Amino acid sequence: MGIGARMSTVIKSKISRVLDKAEDPGETLDYSYQKQLENLQNVKKGIADVVTAKKRLQLQNEKHQQAIVKLDTQARQALAGGNEQLARTALERKSAIQTEMQSLDTQITELENQQQALIASEQKLRTKVEQFRTKKETIKAQYSAAEAQVRISEAATGVGESMAEVGMAMQRAVDKTENMRARADAVAELEAAGTFEDLTALGAGQDDIDRQLAELGSGTQVDSDLERMKAELGMGTAPSAGELSAGDADAAAGAEAPKEPGA
């Protein structure tokens, strides 16, 4: 098979596929029924034309009949008046008209037969059209029911185009949700492990040495405050002078000095 033949086959197959997809059986049946109705109307019009032609010939035949009666009367009158030649002429015209009437009768008979044949054809065609209409409506109803069943089945099983799109959108939403949950769990785990630092806390930007020194100073101050409180309450040993601050030493000296009388 040549390239041109293959291309022609491919193009025809694609066009056929497009037409099959675009074709609506209901519309096709309605169109066929409409064409049959047009054919039926054409047959009826043909019957009307034949009847019209037959009536025209019958009217002409009636005129010829009247002319024959008139010519016969005139021939009798001419013969009675002694004018045989005139009577002969009238009879010759009468004979010619009678011959023409015979031809008209033949044509009228033929038109009558044609009319009867067309009427029989019209009746048969009308019966077929009615049968086609009934079958057409039945097929359309069956197709609509089958189409509805297919849509319901596709919706129930999710194999339809629209349901497939919905399923894909739902799957994307599930994937995004799972990714977000995994990210949240990872952040929580890293935060619990101390991997993340609060950048908004005081002292942000200090290095590790600065933080250790700050923690050491904070612990020393707490110990000093605890020892001072014990000394004030008489608990434990008083802190050494080196351990007390200047204000704490003055407060301790004032507490140990004896009070003067009258003071």
Protein backbone atom coordinates (compact mmCIF):
# COMPACT_ATOMS: atom_id res chain seq x y z
CA MET A 1 0.00 0.00 0.00
CA GLY A 2 1.42 3.37 -1.01
CA ILE A 3 1.82 6.41 1.23
CA GLY A 4 -1.10 8.18 -0.46
CA ALA A 5 -3.42 5.22 0.05
CA ARG A 6 -2.38 4.90 3.70
CA MET A 7 -2.95 8.59 4.31
CA SER A 8 -6.37 8.34 2.67
CA THR A 9 -7.28 5.38 4.90
CA VAL A 10 -6.12 7.19 8.05
CA ILE A 11 -8.02 10.35 7.14
CA LYS A 12 -11.19 8.40 6.35
CA SER A 13 -10.94 6.46 9.61
CA LYS A 14 -10.51 9.66 11.63
CA ILE A 15 -13.41 11.34 9.84
CA SER A 16 -15.56 8.26 10.42
CA ARG A 17 -14.64 8.29 14.12
CA VAL A 18 -15.54 11.97 14.40
CA LEU A 19 -18.84 11.43 12.59
CA ASP A 20 -19.70 8.44 14.79
CA LYS A 21 -19.05 10.54 17.87
CA ALA A 22 -21.08 13.48 16.58
CA GLU A 23 -23.97 11.44 15.19
CA ASP A 24 -27.10 11.35 17.33
CA PRO A 25 -29.26 8.29 16.53
CA GLY A 26 -32.39 10.19 17.53
CA GLU A 27 -31.64 13.03 15.13
CA THR A 28 -30.78 10.56 12.35
CA LEU A 29 -34.08 8.71 12.80
CA ASP A 30 -36.05 11.96 12.88
CA TYR A 31 -34.34 13.09 9.68
CA SER A 32 -35.14 9.77 7.97
CA TYR A 33 -38.76 10.03 9.07
CA GLN A 34 -38.94 13.57 7.72
CA LYS A 35 -37.61 12.42 4.34
CA GLN A 36 -40.23 9.66 4.22
CA LEU A 37 -42.95 12.20 4.95
CA GLU A 38 -41.64 14.30 2.07
CA ASN A 39 -41.81 11.26 -0.22
CA LEU A 40 -45.37 10.63 0.91
CA GLN A 41 -46.28 14.23 0.16
CA ASN A 42 -44.73 13.91 -3.31
CA VAL A 43 -46.86 10.84 -4.01
CA LYS A 44 -49.98 12.71 -2.89
CA LYS A 45 -49.01 15.61 -5.12
CA GLY A 46 -48.57 13.18 -8.03
CA ILE A 47 -52.06 11.79 -7.40
CA ALA A 48 -53.48 15.31 -7.37
CA ASP A 49 -51.73 16.10 -10.69
CA VAL A 50 -53.12 12.93 -12.31
CA VAL A 51 -56.63 13.67 -11.07
CA THR A 52 -56.36 17.24 -12.36
CA ALA A 53 -55.29 16.04 -15.82
CA LYS A 54 -58.10 13.48 -15.87
CA LYS A 55 -60.68 16.10 -14.91
CA ARG A 56 -59.42 18.38 -17.67
CA LEU A 57 -59.85 15.63 -20.25
CA GLN A 58 -63.27 14.77 -18.91
CA LEU A 59 -64.38 18.40 -19.26
CA GLN A 60 -63.06 18.45 -22.81
CA ASN A 61 -64.90 15.22 -23.48
CA GLU A 62 -68.12 16.72 -22.17
CA LYS A 63 -67.73 19.68 -24.53
CA HIS A 64 -67.16 17.28 -27.42
CA GLN A 65 -70.32 15.43 -26.43
CA GLN A 66 -72.31 18.64 -26.51
CA ALA A 67 -70.78 19.51 -29.90
CA ILE A 68 -71.77 16.09 -31.27
CA VAL A 69 -75.37 16.58 -30.17
CA LYS A 70 -75.41 20.04 -31.73
CA LEU A 71 -73.88 18.88 -35.05
CA ASP A 72 -76.30 15.98 -35.25
CA THR A 73 -79.20 18.36 -34.77
CA GLN A 74 -77.80 20.75 -37.39
CA ALA A 75 -77.33 17.90 -39.88
CA ARG A 76 -80.93 16.83 -39.44
CA GLN A 77 -82.16 20.39 -39.91
CA ALA A 78 -80.01 20.87 -43.04
CA LEU A 79 -81.20 17.59 -44.49
CA ALA A 80 -84.81 18.46 -43.70
CA GLY A 81 -84.28 21.80 -45.45
CA GLY A 82 -83.04 20.04 -48.57
CA ASN A 83 -79.39 21.04 -48.03
CA GLU A 84 -77.69 17.69 -48.19
CA GLN A 85 -74.18 19.12 -48.57
CA LEU A 86 -74.50 21.11 -45.36
CA ALA A 87 -75.87 18.06 -43.59
CA ARG A 88 -72.87 16.04 -44.85
CA THR A 89 -70.44 18.68 -43.54
CA ALA A 90 -72.06 18.64 -40.12
CA LEU A 91 -71.89 14.87 -39.98
CA GLU A 92 -68.19 14.90 -41.01
CA ARG A 93 -67.39 17.25 -38.12
CA LYS A 94 -69.44 15.05 -35.84
CA SER A 95 -67.40 12.02 -36.94
CA ALA A 96 -64.08 13.82 -36.34
CA ILE A 97 -65.18 14.84 -32.86
CA GLN A 98 -66.28 11.30 -32.08
CA THR A 99 -62.87 10.01 -33.14
CA GLU A 100 -61.20 12.57 -30.85
CA MET A 101 -63.54 11.55 -28.04
CA GLN A 102 -62.40 7.97 -28.41
CA SER A 103 -58.80 9.12 -27.97
CA LEU A 104 -59.83 11.17 -24.94
CA ASP A 105 -61.61 8.19 -23.45
CA THR A 106 -58.44 6.13 -23.84
CA GLN A 107 -56.37 8.83 -22.14
CA ILE A 108 -58.93 9.20 -19.37
CA THR A 109 -58.85 5.46 -18.77
CA GLU A 110 -55.06 5.46 -18.60
CA LEU A 111 -55.10 8.37 -16.13
CA GLU A 112 -57.70 6.56 -14.06
CA ASN A 113 -55.48 3.47 -13.90
CA GLN A 114 -52.48 5.61 -13.01
CA GLN A 115 -54.51 7.33 -10.33
CA GLN A 116 -55.53 4.01 -8.77
CA ALA A 117 -51.95 2.75 -8.85
CA LEU A 118 -50.70 5.93 -7.15
CA ILE A 119 -53.41 5.69 -4.53
CA ALA A 120 -52.40 2.10 -3.75
CA SER A 121 -48.73 3.14 -3.56
CA GLU A 122 -49.62 6.05 -1.32
CA GLN A 123 -51.50 3.77 1.04
CA LYS A 124 -48.60 1.31 1.22
CA LEU A 125 -46.11 4.12 1.74
CA ARG A 126 -48.28 5.71 4.42
CA THR A 127 -48.42 2.36 6.25
CA LYS A 128 -44.64 2.03 6.08
CA VAL A 129 -44.17 5.58 7.30
CA GLU A 130 -46.44 4.96 10.27
CA GLN A 131 -44.61 1.73 11.06
CA PHE A 132 -41.28 3.55 10.78
CA ARG A 133 -42.53 6.31 13.08
CA THR A 134 -43.54 3.77 15.73
CA LYS A 135 -40.23 1.92 15.41
CA LYS A 136 -38.35 5.22 15.43
CA GLU A 137 -39.91 6.30 18.72
CA THR A 138 -39.23 2.88 20.21
CA ILE A 139 -35.57 2.98 19.17
CA LYS A 140 -35.18 6.54 20.48
CA ALA A 141 -36.69 5.53 23.82
CA GLN A 142 -34.40 2.50 24.03
CA TYR A 143 -31.36 4.59 23.12
CA SER A 144 -32.24 7.23 25.73
CA ALA A 145 -32.67 4.53 28.37
CA ALA A 146 -29.37 2.89 27.41
CA GLU A 147 -27.60 6.26 27.41
CA ALA A 148 -28.98 7.07 30.86
CA GLN A 149 -27.90 3.63 32.10
CA VAL A 150 -24.39 4.21 30.78
CA ARG A 151 -24.17 7.61 32.50
CA ILE A 152 -25.41 6.12 35.78
CA SER A 153 -22.98 3.21 35.52
CA GLU A 154 -20.07 5.51 34.67
CA ALA A 155 -20.95 7.79 37.58
CA ALA A 156 -21.23 4.82 39.95
CA THR A 157 -17.97 3.23 38.83
CA GLY A 158 -16.10 6.49 38.16
CA VAL A 159 -15.10 5.52 34.63
CA GLY A 160 -16.82 8.43 32.91
CA GLU A 161 -14.80 11.42 31.66
CA SER A 162 -16.31 13.86 34.17
CA MET A 163 -16.02 11.40 37.05
CA ALA A 164 -12.43 10.65 36.01
CA GLU A 165 -11.62 14.37 36.29
CA VAL A 166 -13.31 14.50 39.70
CA GLY A 167 -11.33 11.43 40.80
CA MET A 168 -8.06 12.99 39.65
CA ALA A 169 -8.85 16.24 41.47
CA MET A 170 -9.68 14.30 44.63
CA GLN A 171 -6.45 12.33 44.37
CA ARG A 172 -4.46 15.56 44.01
CA ALA A 173 -6.20 16.95 47.10
CA VAL A 174 -5.36 13.77 49.05
CA ASP A 175 -1.71 13.93 47.92
CA LYS A 176 -1.42 17.59 48.97
CA THR A 177 -3.03 16.84 52.34
CA GLU A 178 -0.65 13.94 52.99
CA ASN A 179 2.34 16.07 51.99
CA MET A 180 1.24 18.87 54.32
CA ARG A 181 0.70 16.44 57.21
CA ALA A 182 4.12 14.89 56.63
CA ARG A 183 5.70 18.34 56.62
CA ALA A 184 3.92 19.32 59.83
CA ASP A 185 5.06 16.11 61.54
CA ALA A 186 8.63 16.72 60.37
CA VAL A 187 8.63 20.30 61.70
CA ALA A 188 7.21 19.14 65.05
CA GLU A 189 9.86 16.42 65.34
CA LEU A 190 12.71 18.80 64.53
CA GLU A 191 11.33 21.40 66.93
CA ALA A 192 11.14 18.82 69.73
CA ALA A 193 14.74 17.82 69.05
CA GLY A 194 15.86 21.46 69.42
CA THR A 195 17.00 21.73 65.88
CA PHE A 196 15.00 24.93 65.35
CA GLU A 197 15.71 28.04 67.46
CA ASP A 198 13.36 30.87 68.26
CA LEU A 199 14.81 33.72 66.28
CA THR A 200 12.50 36.22 68.04
CA ALA A 201 13.78 35.38 71.56
CA LEU A 202 16.11 37.74 73.45
CA GLY A 203 19.72 37.16 72.74
CA ALA A 204 19.04 36.02 69.23
CA GLY A 205 22.16 36.13 67.18
CA GLN A 206 24.46 35.00 70.03
CA ASP A 207 26.88 32.23 69.42
CA ASP A 208 27.31 29.13 71.59
CA ILE A 209 30.01 30.69 73.86
CA ASP A 210 27.79 33.69 74.60
CA ARG A 211 24.90 31.46 75.58
CA GLN A 212 27.11 29.37 77.92
CA LEU A 213 28.45 32.47 79.65
CA ALA A 214 24.95 33.87 80.04
CA GLU A 215 23.71 30.61 81.56
CA LEU A 216 26.73 30.54 83.95
CA GLY A 217 26.10 34.11 85.12
CA SER A 218 22.44 33.40 85.64
CA GLY A 219 23.24 30.33 87.79
CA THR A 220 25.75 32.27 89.95
CA GLN A 221 23.23 35.05 90.65
CA VAL A 222 20.59 32.50 91.68
CA ASP A 223 23.06 30.82 94.11
CA SER A 224 24.01 34.21 95.63
CA ASP A 225 20.37 35.18 96.15
CA LEU A 226 19.64 31.80 97.79
CA GLU A 227 22.55 32.09 100.26
CA ARG A 228 21.54 35.65 101.20
CA MET A 229 18.02 34.56 101.97
CA LYS A 230 19.30 31.73 104.16
CA ALA A 231 21.46 34.17 106.12
CA GLU A 232 18.53 36.55 106.70
CA LEU A 233 16.41 33.71 108.01
CA GLY A 234 19.21 32.30 110.17
CA MET A 235 19.50 29.20 108.11
CA GLY A 236 22.90 27.78 107.31
CA THR A 237 26.14 29.79 107.30
CA ALA A 238 26.36 33.37 106.24
CA PRO A 239 28.07 33.94 102.94
CA SER A 240 31.67 35.09 102.98
CA ALA A 241 32.48 38.72 102.28
CA GLY A 242 33.78 37.78 98.95
CA GLU A 243 30.50 36.16 98.11
CA LEU A 244 28.38 39.16 99.17
CA SER A 245 27.92 42.18 97.16
CA ALA A 246 28.55 45.66 98.62
CA GLY A 247 24.90 46.25 99.47
CA ASP A 248 24.59 42.81 101.06
CA ALA A 249 27.69 43.43 103.29
CA ASP A 250 26.27 46.72 104.61
CA ALA A 251 22.95 45.06 105.38
CA ALA A 252 24.71 42.26 107.30
CA ALA A 253 26.87 44.73 109.32
CA GLY A 254 23.84 46.73 110.39
CA ALA A 255 22.07 43.60 111.54
CA GLU A 256 25.08 42.45 113.76
CA ALA A 257 25.83 45.91 115.49
CA PRO A 258 24.39 46.18 119.06
CA LYS A 259 21.65 48.69 119.55
CA GLU A 260 22.44 51.69 121.90
CA PRO A 261 20.12 52.43 124.82
CA GLY A 262 17.47 54.91 123.89
CA ALA A 263 18.15 54.39 120.21
